[in-house]
Amino acid sequence: MADHLSWRIEAGTLFLQGELDRETLLGLWQQRETAMQNIAAIDVSALQRVDSAGLALLVHLRQIAQQQGAAPVFRGVTDKLHSLITLYNLQQIIVSADDTA
């Protein structure tokens, strides 16, 4: 297990890498307002693991972006993450760029 989460911002996309779970999300949580400025997409393709706390953070990040007037899409949603999104009935909130194409 990677036991860490890293992120970077490039050209309006927030790239997440590592594990997004209750043990690793604190750093991103603390910087969430700044991290979501001018974000049009959230790339989750490099996440190896997401738990329900991580999923809740993704929902919150999207909400922050919406409050700033954006509606970011999610890129690179894996089958496992898609299953978690479906389990929590969040398909209308966590919108995959693949679903909109």
PDB file of N, CA and C in Angstrom:
ATOM      1  N   MET A   1       0.830  -1.181   0.000  1.00  0.00           N
ATOM      2  CA  MET A   1       0.000   0.000   0.000  1.00  0.00           C
ATOM      3  C   MET A   1       0.872   1.242   0.000  1.00  0.00           C
ATOM      4  N   ALA A   2       0.474   2.222  -0.782  1.00  0.00           N
ATOM      5  CA  ALA A   2       1.275   3.427  -0.936  1.00  0.00           C
ATOM      6  C   ALA A   2       1.230   4.309   0.316  1.00  0.00           C
ATOM      7  N   ASP A   3       0.102   4.320   1.009  1.00  0.00           N
ATOM      8  CA  ASP A   3      -0.049   5.109   2.221  1.00  0.00           C
ATOM      9  C   ASP A   3       0.259   6.585   2.034  1.00  0.00           C
ATOM     10  N   HIS A   4       0.055   7.102   0.849  1.00  0.00           N
ATOM     11  CA  HIS A   4       0.239   8.533   0.641  1.00  0.00           C
ATOM     12  C   HIS A   4      -0.646   9.007  -0.503  1.00  0.00           C
ATOM     13  N   LEU A   5      -0.826  10.299  -0.525  1.00  0.00           N
ATOM     14  CA  LEU A   5      -1.588  10.948  -1.588  1.00  0.00           C
ATOM     15  C   LEU A   5      -0.788  12.153  -2.036  1.00  0.00           C
ATOM     16  N   SER A   6      -0.646  12.306  -3.330  1.00  0.00           N
ATOM     17  CA  SER A   6      -0.022  13.514  -3.857  1.00  0.00           C
ATOM     18  C   SER A   6      -0.941  14.101  -4.915  1.00  0.00           C
ATOM     19  N   TRP A   7      -0.764  15.380  -5.173  1.00  0.00           N
ATOM     20  CA  TRP A   7      -1.568  16.044  -6.187  1.00  0.00           C
ATOM     21  C   TRP A   7      -0.775  17.185  -6.800  1.00  0.00           C
ATOM     22  N   ARG A   8      -1.184  17.502  -8.001  1.00  0.00           N
ATOM     23  CA  ARG A   8      -0.600  18.642  -8.703  1.00  0.00           C
ATOM     24  C   ARG A   8      -1.685  19.248  -9.582  1.00  0.00           C
ATOM     25  N   ILE A   9      -1.480  20.503  -9.949  1.00  0.00           N
ATOM     26  CA  ILE A   9      -2.429  21.202 -10.799  1.00  0.00           C
ATOM     27  C   ILE A   9      -1.706  21.611 -12.070  1.00  0.00           C
ATOM     28  N   GLU A  10      -2.312  21.258 -13.199  1.00  0.00           N
ATOM     29  CA  GLU A  10      -1.763  21.588 -14.511  1.00  0.00           C
ATOM     30  C   GLU A  10      -2.902  21.935 -15.450  1.00  0.00           C
ATOM     31  N   ALA A  11      -2.828  23.096 -16.050  1.00  0.00           N
ATOM     32  CA  ALA A  11      -3.783  23.507 -17.089  1.00  0.00           C
ATOM     33  C   ALA A  11      -5.241  23.269 -16.692  1.00  0.00           C
ATOM     34  N   GLY A  12      -5.600  23.685 -15.488  1.00  0.00           N
ATOM     35  CA  GLY A  12      -6.986  23.571 -15.056  1.00  0.00           C
ATOM     36  C   GLY A  12      -7.425  22.181 -14.638  1.00  0.00           C
ATOM     37  N   THR A  13      -6.467  21.276 -14.483  1.00  0.00           N
ATOM     38  CA  THR A  13      -6.784  19.915 -14.049  1.00  0.00           C
ATOM     39  C   THR A  13      -6.063  19.613 -12.739  1.00  0.00           C
ATOM     40  N   LEU A  14      -6.802  19.073 -11.785  1.00  0.00           N
ATOM     41  CA  LEU A  14      -6.234  18.595 -10.533  1.00  0.00           C
ATOM     42  C   LEU A  14      -5.936  17.112 -10.714  1.00  0.00           C
ATOM     43  N   PHE A  15      -4.655  16.754 -10.660  1.00  0.00           N
ATOM     44  CA  PHE A  15      -4.230  15.358 -10.793  1.00  0.00           C
ATOM     45  C   PHE A  15      -3.996  14.774  -9.408  1.00  0.00           C
ATOM     46  N   LEU A  16      -4.669  13.669  -9.107  1.00  0.00           N
ATOM     47  CA  LEU A  16      -4.505  12.980  -7.829  1.00  0.00           C
ATOM     48  C   LEU A  16      -3.762  11.670  -8.057  1.00  0.00           C
ATOM     49  N   GLN A  17      -2.856  11.342  -7.138  1.00  0.00           N
ATOM     50  CA  GLN A  17      -2.062  10.123  -7.290  1.00  0.00           C
ATOM     51  C   GLN A  17      -1.841   9.478  -5.925  1.00  0.00           C
ATOM     52  N   GLY A  18      -1.909   8.157  -5.888  1.00  0.00           N
ATOM     53  CA  GLY A  18      -1.667   7.412  -4.655  1.00  0.00           C
ATOM     54  C   GLY A  18      -2.947   6.824  -4.111  1.00  0.00           C
ATOM     55  N   GLU A  19      -3.145   7.004  -2.820  1.00  0.00           N
ATOM     56  CA  GLU A  19      -4.333   6.488  -2.150  1.00  0.00           C
ATOM     57  C   GLU A  19      -5.129   7.634  -1.566  1.00  0.00           C
ATOM     58  N   LEU A  20      -6.409   7.643  -1.841  1.00  0.00           N
ATOM     59  CA  LEU A  20      -7.305   8.661  -1.307  1.00  0.00           C
ATOM     60  C   LEU A  20      -8.221   7.970  -0.313  1.00  0.00           C
ATOM     61  N   ASP A  21      -7.805   7.994   0.946  1.00  0.00           N
ATOM     62  CA  ASP A  21      -8.599   7.357   1.996  1.00  0.00           C
ATOM     63  C   ASP A  21      -8.506   8.187   3.275  1.00  0.00           C
ATOM     64  N   ARG A  22      -9.166   7.715   4.297  1.00  0.00           N
ATOM     65  CA  ARG A  22      -9.245   8.502   5.542  1.00  0.00           C
ATOM     66  C   ARG A  22      -7.882   8.731   6.176  1.00  0.00           C
ATOM     67  N   GLU A  23      -6.910   7.904   5.851  1.00  0.00           N
ATOM     68  CA  GLU A  23      -5.568   8.043   6.420  1.00  0.00           C
ATOM     69  C   GLU A  23      -4.705   9.045   5.652  1.00  0.00           C
ATOM     70  N   THR A  24      -5.049   9.333   4.385  1.00  0.00           N
ATOM     71  CA  THR A  24      -4.166  10.129   3.535  1.00  0.00           C
ATOM     72  C   THR A  24      -4.749  11.460   3.078  1.00  0.00           C
ATOM     73  N   LEU A  25      -6.022  11.709   3.321  1.00  0.00           N
ATOM     74  CA  LEU A  25      -6.659  12.867   2.700  1.00  0.00           C
ATOM     75  C   LEU A  25      -6.491  14.186   3.445  1.00  0.00           C
ATOM     76  N   LEU A  26      -5.915  14.188   4.632  1.00  0.00           N
ATOM     77  CA  LEU A  26      -5.841  15.393   5.450  1.00  0.00           C
ATOM     78  C   LEU A  26      -5.134  16.551   4.743  1.00  0.00           C
ATOM     79  N   GLY A  27      -4.014  16.290   4.083  1.00  0.00           N
ATOM     80  CA  GLY A  27      -3.275  17.359   3.417  1.00  0.00           C
ATOM     81  C   GLY A  27      -4.106  18.042   2.344  1.00  0.00           C
ATOM     82  N   LEU A  28      -4.775  17.248   1.518  1.00  0.00           N
ATOM     83  CA  LEU A  28      -5.623  17.818   0.477  1.00  0.00           C
ATOM     84  C   LEU A  28      -6.825  18.522   1.096  1.00  0.00           C
ATOM     85  N   TRP A  29      -7.388  17.939   2.135  1.00  0.00           N
ATOM     86  CA  TRP A  29      -8.517  18.566   2.821  1.00  0.00           C
ATOM     87  C   TRP A  29      -8.133  19.963   3.304  1.00  0.00           C
ATOM     88  N   GLN A  30      -6.942  20.095   3.886  1.00  0.00           N
ATOM     89  CA  GLN A  30      -6.502  21.376   4.424  1.00  0.00           C
ATOM     90  C   GLN A  30      -6.276  22.417   3.323  1.00  0.00           C
ATOM     91  N   GLN A  31      -5.978  21.982   2.108  1.00  0.00           N
ATOM     92  CA  GLN A  31      -5.704  22.901   1.003  1.00  0.00           C
ATOM     93  C   GLN A  31      -6.806  22.897  -0.057  1.00  0.00           C
ATOM     94  N   ARG A  32      -7.957  22.342   0.268  1.00  0.00           N
ATOM     95  CA  ARG A  32      -9.024  22.126  -0.713  1.00  0.00           C
ATOM     96  C   ARG A  32      -9.498  23.403  -1.402  1.00  0.00           C
ATOM     97  N   GLU A  33      -9.651  24.483  -0.670  1.00  0.00           N
ATOM     98  CA  GLU A  33     -10.147  25.726  -1.276  1.00  0.00           C
ATOM     99  C   GLU A  33      -9.154  26.248  -2.313  1.00  0.00           C
ATOM    100  N   THR A  34      -7.884  26.257  -1.968  1.00  0.00           N
ATOM    101  CA  THR A  34      -6.850  26.721  -2.887  1.00  0.00           C
ATOM    102  C   THR A  34      -6.692  25.769  -4.060  1.00  0.00           C
ATOM    103  N   ALA A  35      -6.703  24.474  -3.773  1.00  0.00           N
ATOM    104  CA  ALA A  35      -6.492  23.467  -4.818  1.00  0.00           C
ATOM    105  C   ALA A  35      -7.584  23.509  -5.884  1.00  0.00           C
ATOM    106  N   MET A  36      -8.774  23.913  -5.528  1.00  0.00           N
ATOM    107  CA  MET A  36      -9.889  23.861  -6.475  1.00  0.00           C
ATOM    108  C   MET A  36     -10.104  25.158  -7.255  1.00  0.00           C
ATOM    109  N   GLN A  37      -9.249  26.130  -7.102  1.00  0.00           N
ATOM    110  CA  GLN A  37      -9.406  27.373  -7.858  1.00  0.00           C
ATOM    111  C   GLN A  37      -9.127  27.129  -9.335  1.00  0.00           C
ATOM    112  N   ASN A  38     -10.104  27.493 -10.172  1.00  0.00           N
ATOM    113  CA  ASN A  38      -9.992  27.385 -11.633  1.00  0.00           C
ATOM    114  C   ASN A  38      -9.790  25.958 -12.136  1.00  0.00           C
ATOM    115  N   ILE A  39     -10.396  24.987 -11.479  1.00  0.00           N
ATOM    116  CA  ILE A  39     -10.272  23.581 -11.875  1.00  0.00           C
ATOM    117  C   ILE A  39     -11.463  23.185 -12.745  1.00  0.00           C
ATOM    118  N   ALA A  40     -11.166  22.679 -13.944  1.00  0.00           N
ATOM    119  CA  ALA A  40     -12.199  22.225 -14.871  1.00  0.00           C
ATOM    120  C   ALA A  40     -12.325  20.703 -14.885  1.00  0.00           C
ATOM    121  N   ALA A  41     -11.287  20.012 -14.386  1.00  0.00           N
ATOM    122  CA  ALA A  41     -11.292  18.542 -14.388  1.00  0.00           C
ATOM    123  C   ALA A  41     -10.482  18.032 -13.197  1.00  0.00           C
ATOM    124  N   ILE A  42     -10.876  16.866 -12.730  1.00  0.00           N
ATOM    125  CA  ILE A  42     -10.142  16.169 -11.672  1.00  0.00           C
ATOM    126  C   ILE A  42      -9.750  14.816 -12.240  1.00  0.00           C
ATOM    127  N   ASP A  43      -8.453  14.593 -12.366  1.00  0.00           N
ATOM    128  CA  ASP A  43      -7.949  13.342 -12.936  1.00  0.00           C
ATOM    129  C   ASP A  43      -7.646  12.374 -11.801  1.00  0.00           C
ATOM    130  N   VAL A  44      -8.377  11.259 -11.779  1.00  0.00           N
ATOM    131  CA  VAL A  44      -8.232  10.266 -10.718  1.00  0.00           C
ATOM    132  C   VAL A  44      -7.594   8.977 -11.232  1.00  0.00           C
ATOM    133  N   SER A  45      -7.048   9.023 -12.438  1.00  0.00           N
ATOM    134  CA  SER A  45      -6.512   7.812 -13.074  1.00  0.00           C
ATOM    135  C   SER A  45      -5.324   7.215 -12.334  1.00  0.00           C
ATOM    136  N   ALA A  46      -4.593   8.011 -11.566  1.00  0.00           N
ATOM    137  CA  ALA A  46      -3.415   7.506 -10.857  1.00  0.00           C
ATOM    138  C   ALA A  46      -3.704   7.152  -9.397  1.00  0.00           C
ATOM    139  N   LEU A  47      -4.975   7.106  -9.036  1.00  0.00           N
ATOM    140  CA  LEU A  47      -5.328   6.671  -7.679  1.00  0.00           C
ATOM    141  C   LEU A  47      -5.380   5.150  -7.637  1.00  0.00           C
ATOM    142  N   GLN A  48      -4.622   4.565  -6.721  1.00  0.00           N
ATOM    143  CA  GLN A  48      -4.648   3.107  -6.582  1.00  0.00           C
ATOM    144  C   GLN A  48      -5.792   2.640  -5.689  1.00  0.00           C
ATOM    145  N   ARG A  49      -6.239   3.527  -4.790  1.00  0.00           N
ATOM    146  CA  ARG A  49      -7.269   3.131  -3.837  1.00  0.00           C
ATOM    147  C   ARG A  49      -8.080   4.355  -3.428  1.00  0.00           C
ATOM    148  N   VAL A  50      -9.381   4.176  -3.330  1.00  0.00           N
ATOM    149  CA  VAL A  50     -10.278   5.215  -2.825  1.00  0.00           C
ATOM    150  C   VAL A  50     -11.269   4.532  -1.892  1.00  0.00           C
ATOM    151  N   ASP A  51     -11.406   5.051  -0.667  1.00  0.00           N
ATOM    152  CA  ASP A  51     -12.419   4.505   0.233  1.00  0.00           C
ATOM    153  C   ASP A  51     -13.579   5.500   0.324  1.00  0.00           C
ATOM    154  N   SER A  52     -14.535   5.228   1.189  1.00  0.00           N
ATOM    155  CA  SER A  52     -15.712   6.089   1.262  1.00  0.00           C
ATOM    156  C   SER A  52     -15.361   7.501   1.718  1.00  0.00           C
ATOM    157  N   ALA A  53     -14.363   7.658   2.583  1.00  0.00           N
ATOM    158  CA  ALA A  53     -13.928   9.001   2.998  1.00  0.00           C
ATOM    159  C   ALA A  53     -13.324   9.743   1.814  1.00  0.00           C
ATOM    160  N   GLY A  54     -12.546   9.046   1.005  1.00  0.00           N
ATOM    161  CA  GLY A  54     -11.979   9.650  -0.195  1.00  0.00           C
ATOM    162  C   GLY A  54     -13.058  10.050  -1.180  1.00  0.00           C
ATOM    163  N   LEU A  55     -14.055   9.211  -1.329  1.00  0.00           N
ATOM    164  CA  LEU A  55     -15.172   9.525  -2.219  1.00  0.00           C
ATOM    165  C   LEU A  55     -15.908  10.769  -1.719  1.00  0.00           C
ATOM    166  N   ALA A  56     -16.090  10.863  -0.411  1.00  0.00           N
ATOM    167  CA  ALA A  56     -16.737  12.042   0.159  1.00  0.00           C
ATOM    168  C   ALA A  56     -15.923  13.298  -0.138  1.00  0.00           C
ATOM    169  N   LEU A  57     -14.606  13.202  -0.095  1.00  0.00           N
ATOM    170  CA  LEU A  57     -13.765  14.347  -0.422  1.00  0.00           C
ATOM    171  C   LEU A  57     -13.920  14.732  -1.890  1.00  0.00           C
ATOM    172  N   LEU A  58     -14.004  13.763  -2.784  1.00  0.00           N
ATOM    173  CA  LEU A  58     -14.225  14.066  -4.201  1.00  0.00           C
ATOM    174  C   LEU A  58     -15.535  14.823  -4.399  1.00  0.00           C
ATOM    175  N   VAL A  59     -16.575  14.410  -3.696  1.00  0.00           N
ATOM    176  CA  VAL A  59     -17.864  15.102  -3.775  1.00  0.00           C
ATOM    177  C   VAL A  59     -17.706  16.532  -3.265  1.00  0.00           C
ATOM    178  N   HIS A  60     -16.983  16.689  -2.172  1.00  0.00           N
ATOM    179  CA  HIS A  60     -16.779  18.021  -1.592  1.00  0.00           C
ATOM    180  C   HIS A  60     -15.950  18.909  -2.513  1.00  0.00           C
ATOM    181  N   LEU A  61     -14.921  18.352  -3.146  1.00  0.00           N
ATOM    182  CA  LEU A  61     -14.107  19.128  -4.084  1.00  0.00           C
ATOM    183  C   LEU A  61     -14.963  19.651  -5.228  1.00  0.00           C
ATOM    184  N   ARG A  62     -15.836  18.802  -5.732  1.00  0.00           N
ATOM    185  CA  ARG A  62     -16.736  19.235  -6.816  1.00  0.00           C
ATOM    186  C   ARG A  62     -17.656  20.344  -6.329  1.00  0.00           C
ATOM    187  N   GLN A  63     -18.137  20.230  -5.102  1.00  0.00           N
ATOM    188  CA  GLN A  63     -19.011  21.251  -4.534  1.00  0.00           C
ATOM    189  C   GLN A  63     -18.273  22.589  -4.415  1.00  0.00           C
ATOM    190  N   ILE A  64     -17.025  22.561  -3.991  1.00  0.00           N
ATOM    191  CA  ILE A  64     -16.225  23.786  -3.903  1.00  0.00           C
ATOM    192  C   ILE A  64     -16.108  24.426  -5.282  1.00  0.00           C
ATOM    193  N   ALA A  65     -15.806  23.621  -6.282  1.00  0.00           N
ATOM    194  CA  ALA A  65     -15.681  24.143  -7.649  1.00  0.00           C
ATOM    195  C   ALA A  65     -16.995  24.748  -8.123  1.00  0.00           C
ATOM    196  N   GLN A  66     -18.100  24.111  -7.799  1.00  0.00           N
ATOM    197  CA  GLN A  66     -19.408  24.641  -8.195  1.00  0.00           C
ATOM    198  C   GLN A  66     -19.670  25.992  -7.539  1.00  0.00           C
ATOM    199  N   GLN A  67     -19.269  26.141  -6.298  1.00  0.00           N
ATOM    200  CA  GLN A  67     -19.439  27.417  -5.611  1.00  0.00           C
ATOM    201  C   GLN A  67     -18.596  28.504  -6.271  1.00  0.00           C
ATOM    202  N   GLN A  68     -17.541  28.100  -6.961  1.00  0.00           N
ATOM    203  CA  GLN A  68     -16.687  29.043  -7.679  1.00  0.00           C
ATOM    204  C   GLN A  68     -17.132  29.214  -9.131  1.00  0.00           C
ATOM    205  N   GLY A  69     -18.247  28.582  -9.501  1.00  0.00           N
ATOM    206  CA  GLY A  69     -18.803  28.745 -10.836  1.00  0.00           C
ATOM    207  C   GLY A  69     -18.339  27.716 -11.861  1.00  0.00           C
ATOM    208  N   ALA A  70     -17.694  26.654 -11.425  1.00  0.00           N
ATOM    209  CA  ALA A  70     -17.218  25.610 -12.337  1.00  0.00           C
ATOM    210  C   ALA A  70     -18.016  24.324 -12.118  1.00  0.00           C
ATOM    211  N   ALA A  71     -17.932  23.423 -13.073  1.00  0.00           N
ATOM    212  CA  ALA A  71     -18.563  22.107 -12.959  1.00  0.00           C
ATOM    213  C   ALA A  71     -17.558  21.077 -13.463  1.00  0.00           C
ATOM    214  N   PRO A  72     -16.568  20.753 -12.641  1.00  0.00           N
ATOM    215  CA  PRO A  72     -15.493  19.873 -13.113  1.00  0.00           C
ATOM    216  C   PRO A  72     -15.972  18.457 -13.408  1.00  0.00           C
ATOM    217  N   VAL A  73     -15.366  17.862 -14.424  1.00  0.00           N
ATOM    218  CA  VAL A  73     -15.610  16.460 -14.732  1.00  0.00           C
ATOM    219  C   VAL A  73     -14.458  15.653 -14.160  1.00  0.00           C
ATOM    220  N   PHE A  74     -14.683  14.374 -14.020  1.00  0.00           N
ATOM    221  CA  PHE A  74     -13.658  13.468 -13.495  1.00  0.00           C
ATOM    222  C   PHE A  74     -13.101  12.653 -14.646  1.00  0.00           C
ATOM    223  N   ARG A  75     -11.790  12.581 -14.724  1.00  0.00           N
ATOM    224  CA  ARG A  75     -11.123  11.818 -15.774  1.00  0.00           C
ATOM    225  C   ARG A  75     -10.434  10.611 -15.164  1.00  0.00           C
ATOM    226  N   GLY A  76     -10.416   9.519 -15.930  1.00  0.00           N
ATOM    227  CA  GLY A  76      -9.689   8.324 -15.508  1.00  0.00           C
ATOM    228  C   GLY A  76     -10.351   7.534 -14.400  1.00  0.00           C
ATOM    229  N   VAL A  77     -11.668   7.554 -14.349  1.00  0.00           N
ATOM    230  CA  VAL A  77     -12.390   6.803 -13.314  1.00  0.00           C
ATOM    231  C   VAL A  77     -12.213   5.306 -13.582  1.00  0.00           C
ATOM    232  N   THR A  78     -11.620   4.618 -12.627  1.00  0.00           N
ATOM    233  CA  THR A  78     -11.383   3.177 -12.766  1.00  0.00           C
ATOM    234  C   THR A  78     -12.678   2.403 -12.515  1.00  0.00           C
ATOM    235  N   ASP A  79     -12.667   1.140 -12.865  1.00  0.00           N
ATOM    236  CA  ASP A  79     -13.839   0.297 -12.620  1.00  0.00           C
ATOM    237  C   ASP A  79     -14.166   0.219 -11.132  1.00  0.00           C
ATOM    238  N   LYS A  80     -13.134   0.110 -10.296  1.00  0.00           N
ATOM    239  CA  LYS A  80     -13.360   0.037  -8.841  1.00  0.00           C
ATOM    240  C   LYS A  80     -13.995   1.319  -8.323  1.00  0.00           C
ATOM    241  N   LEU A  81     -13.472   2.463  -8.761  1.00  0.00           N
ATOM    242  CA  LEU A  81     -14.042   3.734  -8.314  1.00  0.00           C
ATOM    243  C   LEU A  81     -15.456   3.898  -8.867  1.00  0.00           C
ATOM    244  N   HIS A  82     -15.672   3.501 -10.095  1.00  0.00           N
ATOM    245  CA  HIS A  82     -17.013   3.577 -10.680  1.00  0.00           C
ATOM    246  C   HIS A  82     -17.995   2.729  -9.869  1.00  0.00           C
ATOM    247  N   SER A  83     -17.559   1.564  -9.422  1.00  0.00           N
ATOM    248  CA  SER A  83     -18.416   0.707  -8.594  1.00  0.00           C
ATOM    249  C   SER A  83     -18.769   1.389  -7.282  1.00  0.00           C
ATOM    250  N   LEU A  84     -17.782   2.064  -6.669  1.00  0.00           N
ATOM    251  CA  LEU A  84     -18.029   2.780  -5.416  1.00  0.00           C
ATOM    252  C   LEU A  84     -18.994   3.945  -5.645  1.00  0.00           C
ATOM    253  N   ILE A  85     -18.815   4.654  -6.731  1.00  0.00           N
ATOM    254  CA  ILE A  85     -19.719   5.758  -7.086  1.00  0.00           C
ATOM    255  C   ILE A  85     -21.142   5.235  -7.262  1.00  0.00           C
ATOM    256  N   THR A  86     -21.292   4.117  -7.936  1.00  0.00           N
ATOM    257  CA  THR A  86     -22.607   3.516  -8.158  1.00  0.00           C
ATOM    258  C   THR A  86     -23.203   3.026  -6.840  1.00  0.00           C
ATOM    259  N   LEU A  87     -22.386   2.403  -5.996  1.00  0.00           N
ATOM    260  CA  LEU A  87     -22.846   1.910  -4.695  1.00  0.00           C
ATOM    261  C   LEU A  87     -23.482   3.026  -3.869  1.00  0.00           C
ATOM    262  N   TYR A  88     -22.878   4.207  -3.925  1.00  0.00           N
ATOM    263  CA  TYR A  88     -23.393   5.353  -3.168  1.00  0.00           C
ATOM    264  C   TYR A  88     -24.361   6.216  -3.989  1.00  0.00           C
ATOM    265  N   ASN A  89     -24.695   5.763  -5.197  1.00  0.00           N
ATOM    266  CA  ASN A  89     -25.648   6.452  -6.066  1.00  0.00           C
ATOM    267  C   ASN A  89     -25.236   7.905  -6.334  1.00  0.00           C
ATOM    268  N   LEU A  90     -23.957   8.086  -6.692  1.00  0.00           N
ATOM    269  CA  LEU A  90     -23.396   9.417  -6.924  1.00  0.00           C
ATOM    270  C   LEU A  90     -23.090   9.688  -8.394  1.00  0.00           C
ATOM    271  N   GLN A  91     -23.687   8.932  -9.299  1.00  0.00           N
ATOM    272  CA  GLN A  91     -23.395   9.079 -10.728  1.00  0.00           C
ATOM    273  C   GLN A  91     -23.725  10.473 -11.253  1.00  0.00           C
ATOM    274  N   GLN A  92     -24.687  11.148 -10.665  1.00  0.00           N
ATOM    275  CA  GLN A  92     -25.052  12.492 -11.107  1.00  0.00           C
ATOM    276  C   GLN A  92     -24.119  13.552 -10.528  1.00  0.00           C
ATOM    277  N   ILE A  93     -23.355  13.204  -9.507  1.00  0.00           N
ATOM    278  CA  ILE A  93     -22.448  14.147  -8.853  1.00  0.00           C
ATOM    279  C   ILE A  93     -21.014  13.935  -9.326  1.00  0.00           C
ATOM    280  N   ILE A  94     -20.552  12.698  -9.317  1.00  0.00           N
ATOM    281  CA  ILE A  94     -19.216  12.360  -9.809  1.00  0.00           C
ATOM    282  C   ILE A  94     -19.382  12.000 -11.280  1.00  0.00           C
ATOM    283  N   VAL A  95     -19.308  13.005 -12.133  1.00  0.00           N
ATOM    284  CA  VAL A  95     -19.560  12.820 -13.560  1.00  0.00           C
ATOM    285  C   VAL A  95     -18.237  12.550 -14.261  1.00  0.00           C
ATOM    286  N   SER A  96     -18.146  11.380 -14.848  1.00  0.00           N
ATOM    287  CA  SER A  96     -16.931  10.987 -15.563  1.00  0.00           C
ATOM    288  C   SER A  96     -16.913  11.622 -16.951  1.00  0.00           C
ATOM    289  N   ALA A  97     -15.747  12.136 -17.333  1.00  0.00           N
ATOM    290  CA  ALA A  97     -15.583  12.700 -18.685  1.00  0.00           C
ATOM    291  C   ALA A  97     -15.885  11.635 -19.724  1.00  0.00           C
ATOM    292  N   ASP A  98     -15.617  10.374 -19.415  1.00  0.00           N
ATOM    293  CA  ASP A  98     -15.895   9.272 -20.334  1.00  0.00           C
ATOM    294  C   ASP A  98     -17.391   9.107 -20.568  1.00  0.00           C
ATOM    295  N   ASP A  99     -18.200   9.422 -19.554  1.00  0.00           N
ATOM    296  CA  ASP A  99     -19.653   9.307 -19.661  1.00  0.00           C
ATOM    297  C   ASP A  99     -20.255  10.444 -20.466  1.00  0.00           C
ATOM    298  N   THR A 100     -19.546  11.585 -20.531  1.00  0.00           N
ATOM    299  CA  THR A 100     -20.084  12.746 -21.240  1.00  0.00           C
ATOM    300  C   THR A 100     -19.662  12.778 -22.693  1.00  0.00           C
ATOM    301  N   ALA A 101     -18.692  11.949 -23.062  1.00  0.00           N
ATOM    302  CA  ALA A 101     -18.176  11.960 -24.450  1.00  0.00           C
ATOM    303  C   ALA A 101     -19.125  11.259 -25.397  1.00  0.00           C
TER     304      ALA A 101
END
